[in-house]
Amino acid sequence: MSFTSFSDFLAMGHHGLYVWSAYGISLVVLAINVAAPILARRRYLQEEARRLRRERNQ
């Protein structure tokens, strides 16, 4: 598909809203899939460190 201008490219033949929102949603889902395990691991390590400190102080 050939576009005559950048605005035609963004419009994607009047399907631009659908196309770009699909790309945006996909990127958000991918970012969540990367960030969620990292945050869960960090939270787990913090909870374990707290638990170990509590056990050591008892």
PDB file of N, CA and C in Angstrom:
ATOM      1  N   MET A   1       0.849  -1.169   0.000  1.00  0.00           N
ATOM      2  CA  MET A   1       0.000   0.000   0.000  1.00  0.00           C
ATOM      3  C   MET A   1       0.897   1.234   0.000  1.00  0.00           C
ATOM      4  N   SER A   2       0.589   2.158  -0.889  1.00  0.00           N
ATOM      5  CA  SER A   2       1.373   3.371  -1.029  1.00  0.00           C
ATOM      6  C   SER A   2       0.565   4.565  -0.531  1.00  0.00           C
ATOM      7  N   PHE A   3       1.225   5.431   0.202  1.00  0.00           N
ATOM      8  CA  PHE A   3       0.560   6.619   0.748  1.00  0.00           C
ATOM      9  C   PHE A   3       1.176   7.860   0.121  1.00  0.00           C
ATOM     10  N   THR A   4       0.343   8.830  -0.173  1.00  0.00           N
ATOM     11  CA  THR A   4       0.834  10.056  -0.807  1.00  0.00           C
ATOM     12  C   THR A   4       1.371  11.063   0.202  1.00  0.00           C
ATOM     13  N   SER A   5       0.967  10.939   1.465  1.00  0.00           N
ATOM     14  CA  SER A   5       1.457  11.857   2.487  1.00  0.00           C
ATOM     15  C   SER A   5       1.444  11.161   3.840  1.00  0.00           C
ATOM     16  N   PHE A   6       2.084  11.800   4.793  1.00  0.00           N
ATOM     17  CA  PHE A   6       2.127  11.242   6.146  1.00  0.00           C
ATOM     18  C   PHE A   6       0.740  11.200   6.772  1.00  0.00           C
ATOM     19  N   SER A   7      -0.089  12.190   6.486  1.00  0.00           N
ATOM     20  CA  SER A   7      -1.448  12.184   7.041  1.00  0.00           C
ATOM     21  C   SER A   7      -2.271  11.042   6.442  1.00  0.00           C
ATOM     22  N   ASP A   8      -2.033  10.704   5.163  1.00  0.00           N
ATOM     23  CA  ASP A   8      -2.694   9.533   4.576  1.00  0.00           C
ATOM     24  C   ASP A   8      -2.226   8.255   5.261  1.00  0.00           C
ATOM     25  N   PHE A   9      -0.941   8.221   5.579  1.00  0.00           N
ATOM     26  CA  PHE A   9      -0.409   7.065   6.301  1.00  0.00           C
ATOM     27  C   PHE A   9      -1.087   6.919   7.660  1.00  0.00           C
ATOM     28  N   LEU A  10      -1.224   8.013   8.389  1.00  0.00           N
ATOM     29  CA  LEU A  10      -1.869   7.956   9.701  1.00  0.00           C
ATOM     30  C   LEU A  10      -3.348   7.599   9.594  1.00  0.00           C
ATOM     31  N   ALA A  11      -3.999   8.055   8.517  1.00  0.00           N
ATOM     32  CA  ALA A  11      -5.427   7.779   8.332  1.00  0.00           C
ATOM     33  C   ALA A  11      -5.666   6.332   7.916  1.00  0.00           C
ATOM     34  N   MET A  12      -4.682   5.694   7.286  1.00  0.00           N
ATOM     35  CA  MET A  12      -4.773   4.295   6.857  1.00  0.00           C
ATOM     36  C   MET A  12      -6.057   3.998   6.093  1.00  0.00           C
ATOM     37  N   GLY A  13      -6.393   4.836   5.164  1.00  0.00           N
ATOM     38  CA  GLY A  13      -7.596   4.617   4.370  1.00  0.00           C
ATOM     39  C   GLY A  13      -8.860   4.645   5.217  1.00  0.00           C
ATOM     40  N   HIS A  14      -8.953   5.577   6.125  1.00  0.00           N
ATOM     41  CA  HIS A  14     -10.079   5.766   7.045  1.00  0.00           C
ATOM     42  C   HIS A  14     -10.189   4.657   8.094  1.00  0.00           C
ATOM     43  N   HIS A  15      -9.138   3.852   8.237  1.00  0.00           N
ATOM     44  CA  HIS A  15      -9.118   2.823   9.274  1.00  0.00           C
ATOM     45  C   HIS A  15      -8.055   3.130  10.326  1.00  0.00           C
ATOM     46  N   GLY A  16      -7.520   4.333  10.297  1.00  0.00           N
ATOM     47  CA  GLY A  16      -6.421   4.709  11.184  1.00  0.00           C
ATOM     48  C   GLY A  16      -6.745   4.579  12.657  1.00  0.00           C
ATOM     49  N   LEU A  17      -7.947   4.977  13.047  1.00  0.00           N
ATOM     50  CA  LEU A  17      -8.312   4.886  14.458  1.00  0.00           C
ATOM     51  C   LEU A  17      -8.247   3.441  14.944  1.00  0.00           C
ATOM     52  N   TYR A  18      -8.782   2.527  14.152  1.00  0.00           N
ATOM     53  CA  TYR A  18      -8.750   1.111  14.513  1.00  0.00           C
ATOM     54  C   TYR A  18      -7.315   0.578  14.513  1.00  0.00           C
ATOM     55  N   VAL A  19      -6.566   0.889  13.457  1.00  0.00           N
ATOM     56  CA  VAL A  19      -5.205   0.372  13.323  1.00  0.00           C
ATOM     57  C   VAL A  19      -4.316   0.868  14.456  1.00  0.00           C
ATOM     58  N   TRP A  20      -4.314   2.181  14.704  1.00  0.00           N
ATOM     59  CA  TRP A  20      -3.410   2.734  15.707  1.00  0.00           C
ATOM     60  C   TRP A  20      -3.846   2.386  17.124  1.00  0.00           C
ATOM     61  N   SER A  21      -5.156   2.266  17.364  1.00  0.00           N
ATOM     62  CA  SER A  21      -5.590   1.828  18.702  1.00  0.00           C
ATOM     63  C   SER A  21      -5.214   0.369  18.926  1.00  0.00           C
ATOM     64  N   ALA A  22      -5.275  -0.460  17.884  1.00  0.00           N
ATOM     65  CA  ALA A  22      -4.852  -1.863  18.017  1.00  0.00           C
ATOM     66  C   ALA A  22      -3.362  -1.946  18.333  1.00  0.00           C
ATOM     67  N   TYR A  23      -2.549  -1.136  17.649  1.00  0.00           N
ATOM     68  CA  TYR A  23      -1.122  -1.096  17.970  1.00  0.00           C
ATOM     69  C   TYR A  23      -0.891  -0.616  19.400  1.00  0.00           C
ATOM     70  N   GLY A  24      -1.602   0.406  19.807  1.00  0.00           N
ATOM     71  CA  GLY A  24      -1.436   0.945  21.160  1.00  0.00           C
ATOM     72  C   GLY A  24      -1.824  -0.059  22.232  1.00  0.00           C
ATOM     73  N   ILE A  25      -2.955  -0.717  22.049  1.00  0.00           N
ATOM     74  CA  ILE A  25      -3.395  -1.719  23.023  1.00  0.00           C
ATOM     75  C   ILE A  25      -2.394  -2.868  23.082  1.00  0.00           C
ATOM     76  N   SER A  26      -1.896  -3.285  21.931  1.00  0.00           N
ATOM     77  CA  SER A  26      -0.906  -4.367  21.900  1.00  0.00           C
ATOM     78  C   SER A  26       0.356  -3.981  22.660  1.00  0.00           C
ATOM     79  N   LEU A  27       0.819  -2.768  22.462  1.00  0.00           N
ATOM     80  CA  LEU A  27       2.023  -2.317  23.169  1.00  0.00           C
ATOM     81  C   LEU A  27       1.795  -2.237  24.679  1.00  0.00           C
ATOM     82  N   VAL A  28       0.605  -1.797  25.085  1.00  0.00           N
ATOM     83  CA  VAL A  28       0.288  -1.734  26.515  1.00  0.00           C
ATOM     84  C   VAL A  28       0.279  -3.137  27.117  1.00  0.00           C
ATOM     85  N   VAL A  29      -0.330  -4.082  26.424  1.00  0.00           N
ATOM     86  CA  VAL A  29      -0.376  -5.464  26.922  1.00  0.00           C
ATOM     87  C   VAL A  29       1.031  -6.047  27.014  1.00  0.00           C
ATOM     88  N   LEU A  30       1.860  -5.804  26.012  1.00  0.00           N
ATOM     89  CA  LEU A  30       3.240  -6.291  26.064  1.00  0.00           C
ATOM     90  C   LEU A  30       4.011  -5.666  27.220  1.00  0.00           C
ATOM     91  N   ALA A  31       3.812  -4.384  27.455  1.00  0.00           N
ATOM     92  CA  ALA A  31       4.496  -3.712  28.571  1.00  0.00           C
ATOM     93  C   ALA A  31       4.049  -4.298  29.905  1.00  0.00           C
ATOM     94  N   ILE A  32       2.759  -4.576  30.041  1.00  0.00           N
ATOM     95  CA  ILE A  32       2.255  -5.183  31.270  1.00  0.00           C
ATOM     96  C   ILE A  32       2.841  -6.578  31.450  1.00  0.00           C
ATOM     97  N   ASN A  33       2.941  -7.349  30.352  1.00  0.00           N
ATOM     98  CA  ASN A  33       3.504  -8.694  30.433  1.00  0.00           C
ATOM     99  C   ASN A  33       4.978  -8.685  30.820  1.00  0.00           C
ATOM    100  N   VAL A  34       5.670  -7.618  30.537  1.00  0.00           N
ATOM    101  CA  VAL A  34       7.067  -7.500  30.941  1.00  0.00           C
ATOM    102  C   VAL A  34       7.169  -6.982  32.371  1.00  0.00           C
ATOM    103  N   ALA A  35       6.362  -5.986  32.711  1.00  0.00           N
ATOM    104  CA  ALA A  35       6.487  -5.325  34.017  1.00  0.00           C
ATOM    105  C   ALA A  35       5.904  -6.146  35.162  1.00  0.00           C
ATOM    106  N   ALA A  36       4.822  -6.870  34.936  1.00  0.00           N
ATOM    107  CA  ALA A  36       4.148  -7.585  36.023  1.00  0.00           C
ATOM    108  C   ALA A  36       5.055  -8.589  36.732  1.00  0.00           C
ATOM    109  N   PRO A  37       5.775  -9.457  36.029  1.00  0.00           N
ATOM    110  CA  PRO A  37       6.657 -10.394  36.743  1.00  0.00           C
ATOM    111  C   PRO A  37       7.803  -9.696  37.481  1.00  0.00           C
ATOM    112  N   ILE A  38       8.298  -8.614  36.911  1.00  0.00           N
ATOM    113  CA  ILE A  38       9.377  -7.872  37.572  1.00  0.00           C
ATOM    114  C   ILE A  38       8.874  -7.280  38.883  1.00  0.00           C
ATOM    115  N   LEU A  39       7.701  -6.675  38.847  1.00  0.00           N
ATOM    116  CA  LEU A  39       7.124  -6.086  40.061  1.00  0.00           C
ATOM    117  C   LEU A  39       6.746  -7.168  41.072  1.00  0.00           C
ATOM    118  N   ALA A  40       6.225  -8.291  40.591  1.00  0.00           N
ATOM    119  CA  ALA A  40       5.864  -9.383  41.503  1.00  0.00           C
ATOM    120  C   ALA A  40       7.101  -9.944  42.186  1.00  0.00           C
ATOM    121  N   ARG A  41       8.199 -10.086  41.457  1.00  0.00           N
ATOM    122  CA  ARG A  41       9.445 -10.594  42.051  1.00  0.00           C
ATOM    123  C   ARG A  41       9.961  -9.623  43.101  1.00  0.00           C
ATOM    124  N   ARG A  42       9.934  -8.337  42.786  1.00  0.00           N
ATOM    125  CA  ARG A  42      10.393  -7.327  43.738  1.00  0.00           C
ATOM    126  C   ARG A  42       9.555  -7.359  45.012  1.00  0.00           C
ATOM    127  N   ARG A  43       8.230  -7.467  44.845  1.00  0.00           N
ATOM    128  CA  ARG A  43       7.331  -7.521  45.999  1.00  0.00           C
ATOM    129  C   ARG A  43       7.591  -8.785  46.832  1.00  0.00           C
ATOM    130  N   TYR A  44       7.806  -9.924  46.157  1.00  0.00           N
ATOM    131  CA  TYR A  44       8.096 -11.170  46.859  1.00  0.00           C
ATOM    132  C   TYR A  44       9.390 -11.061  47.656  1.00  0.00           C
ATOM    133  N   LEU A  45      10.429 -10.503  47.046  1.00  0.00           N
ATOM    134  CA  LEU A  45      11.701 -10.368  47.745  1.00  0.00           C
ATOM    135  C   LEU A  45      11.588  -9.435  48.946  1.00  0.00           C
ATOM    136  N   GLN A  46      10.824  -8.355  48.827  1.00  0.00           N
ATOM    137  CA  GLN A  46      10.626  -7.451  49.951  1.00  0.00           C
ATOM    138  C   GLN A  46       9.867  -8.148  51.081  1.00  0.00           C
ATOM    139  N   GLU A  47       8.835  -8.917  50.737  1.00  0.00           N
ATOM    140  CA  GLU A  47       8.073  -9.623  51.766  1.00  0.00           C
ATOM    141  C   GLU A  47       8.926 -10.675  52.463  1.00  0.00           C
ATOM    142  N   GLU A  48       9.753 -11.370  51.704  1.00  0.00           N
ATOM    143  CA  GLU A  48      10.636 -12.373  52.309  1.00  0.00           C
ATOM    144  C   GLU A  48      11.672 -11.709  53.218  1.00  0.00           C
ATOM    145  N   ALA A  49      12.198 -10.573  52.815  1.00  0.00           N
ATOM    146  CA  ALA A  49      13.170  -9.866  53.655  1.00  0.00           C
ATOM    147  C   ALA A  49      12.506  -9.418  54.954  1.00  0.00           C
ATOM    148  N   ARG A  50      11.266  -8.915  54.864  1.00  0.00           N
ATOM    149  CA  ARG A  50      10.539  -8.540  56.084  1.00  0.00           C
ATOM    150  C   ARG A  50      10.296  -9.740  56.982  1.00  0.00           C
ATOM    151  N   ARG A  51       9.905 -10.861  56.374  1.00  0.00           N
ATOM    152  CA  ARG A  51       9.645 -12.072  57.159  1.00  0.00           C
ATOM    153  C   ARG A  51      10.911 -12.547  57.855  1.00  0.00           C
ATOM    154  N   LEU A  52      12.032 -12.522  57.156  1.00  0.00           N
ATOM    155  CA  LEU A  52      13.294 -12.956  57.761  1.00  0.00           C
ATOM    156  C   LEU A  52      13.715 -12.028  58.893  1.00  0.00           C
ATOM    157  N   ARG A  53      13.517 -10.722  58.731  1.00  0.00           N
ATOM    158  CA  ARG A  53      13.835  -9.770  59.823  1.00  0.00           C
ATOM    159  C   ARG A  53      12.964 -10.036  61.037  1.00  0.00           C
ATOM    160  N   ARG A  54      11.666 -10.284  60.803  1.00  0.00           N
ATOM    161  CA  ARG A  54      10.764 -10.591  61.924  1.00  0.00           C
ATOM    162  C   ARG A  54      11.195 -11.857  62.646  1.00  0.00           C
ATOM    163  N   GLU A  55      11.553 -12.893  61.887  1.00  0.00           N
ATOM    164  CA  GLU A  55      11.982 -14.152  62.517  1.00  0.00           C
ATOM    165  C   GLU A  55      13.282 -13.959  63.288  1.00  0.00           C
ATOM    166  N   ARG A  56      14.178 -13.159  62.753  1.00  0.00           N
ATOM    167  CA  ARG A  56      15.449 -12.924  63.424  1.00  0.00           C
ATOM    168  C   ARG A  56      15.256 -12.125  64.710  1.00  0.00           C
ATOM    169  N   ASN A  57      14.276 -11.222  64.750  1.00  0.00           N
ATOM    170  CA  ASN A  57      14.048 -10.364  65.914  1.00  0.00           C
ATOM    171  C   ASN A  57      13.238 -11.051  67.001  1.00  0.00           C
ATOM    172  N   GLN A  58      12.673 -12.189  66.720  1.00  0.00           N
ATOM    173  CA  GLN A  58      11.849 -12.855  67.746  1.00  0.00           C
ATOM    174  C   GLN A  58      12.668 -13.640  68.712  1.00  0.00           C
TER     175      GLN A  58
END
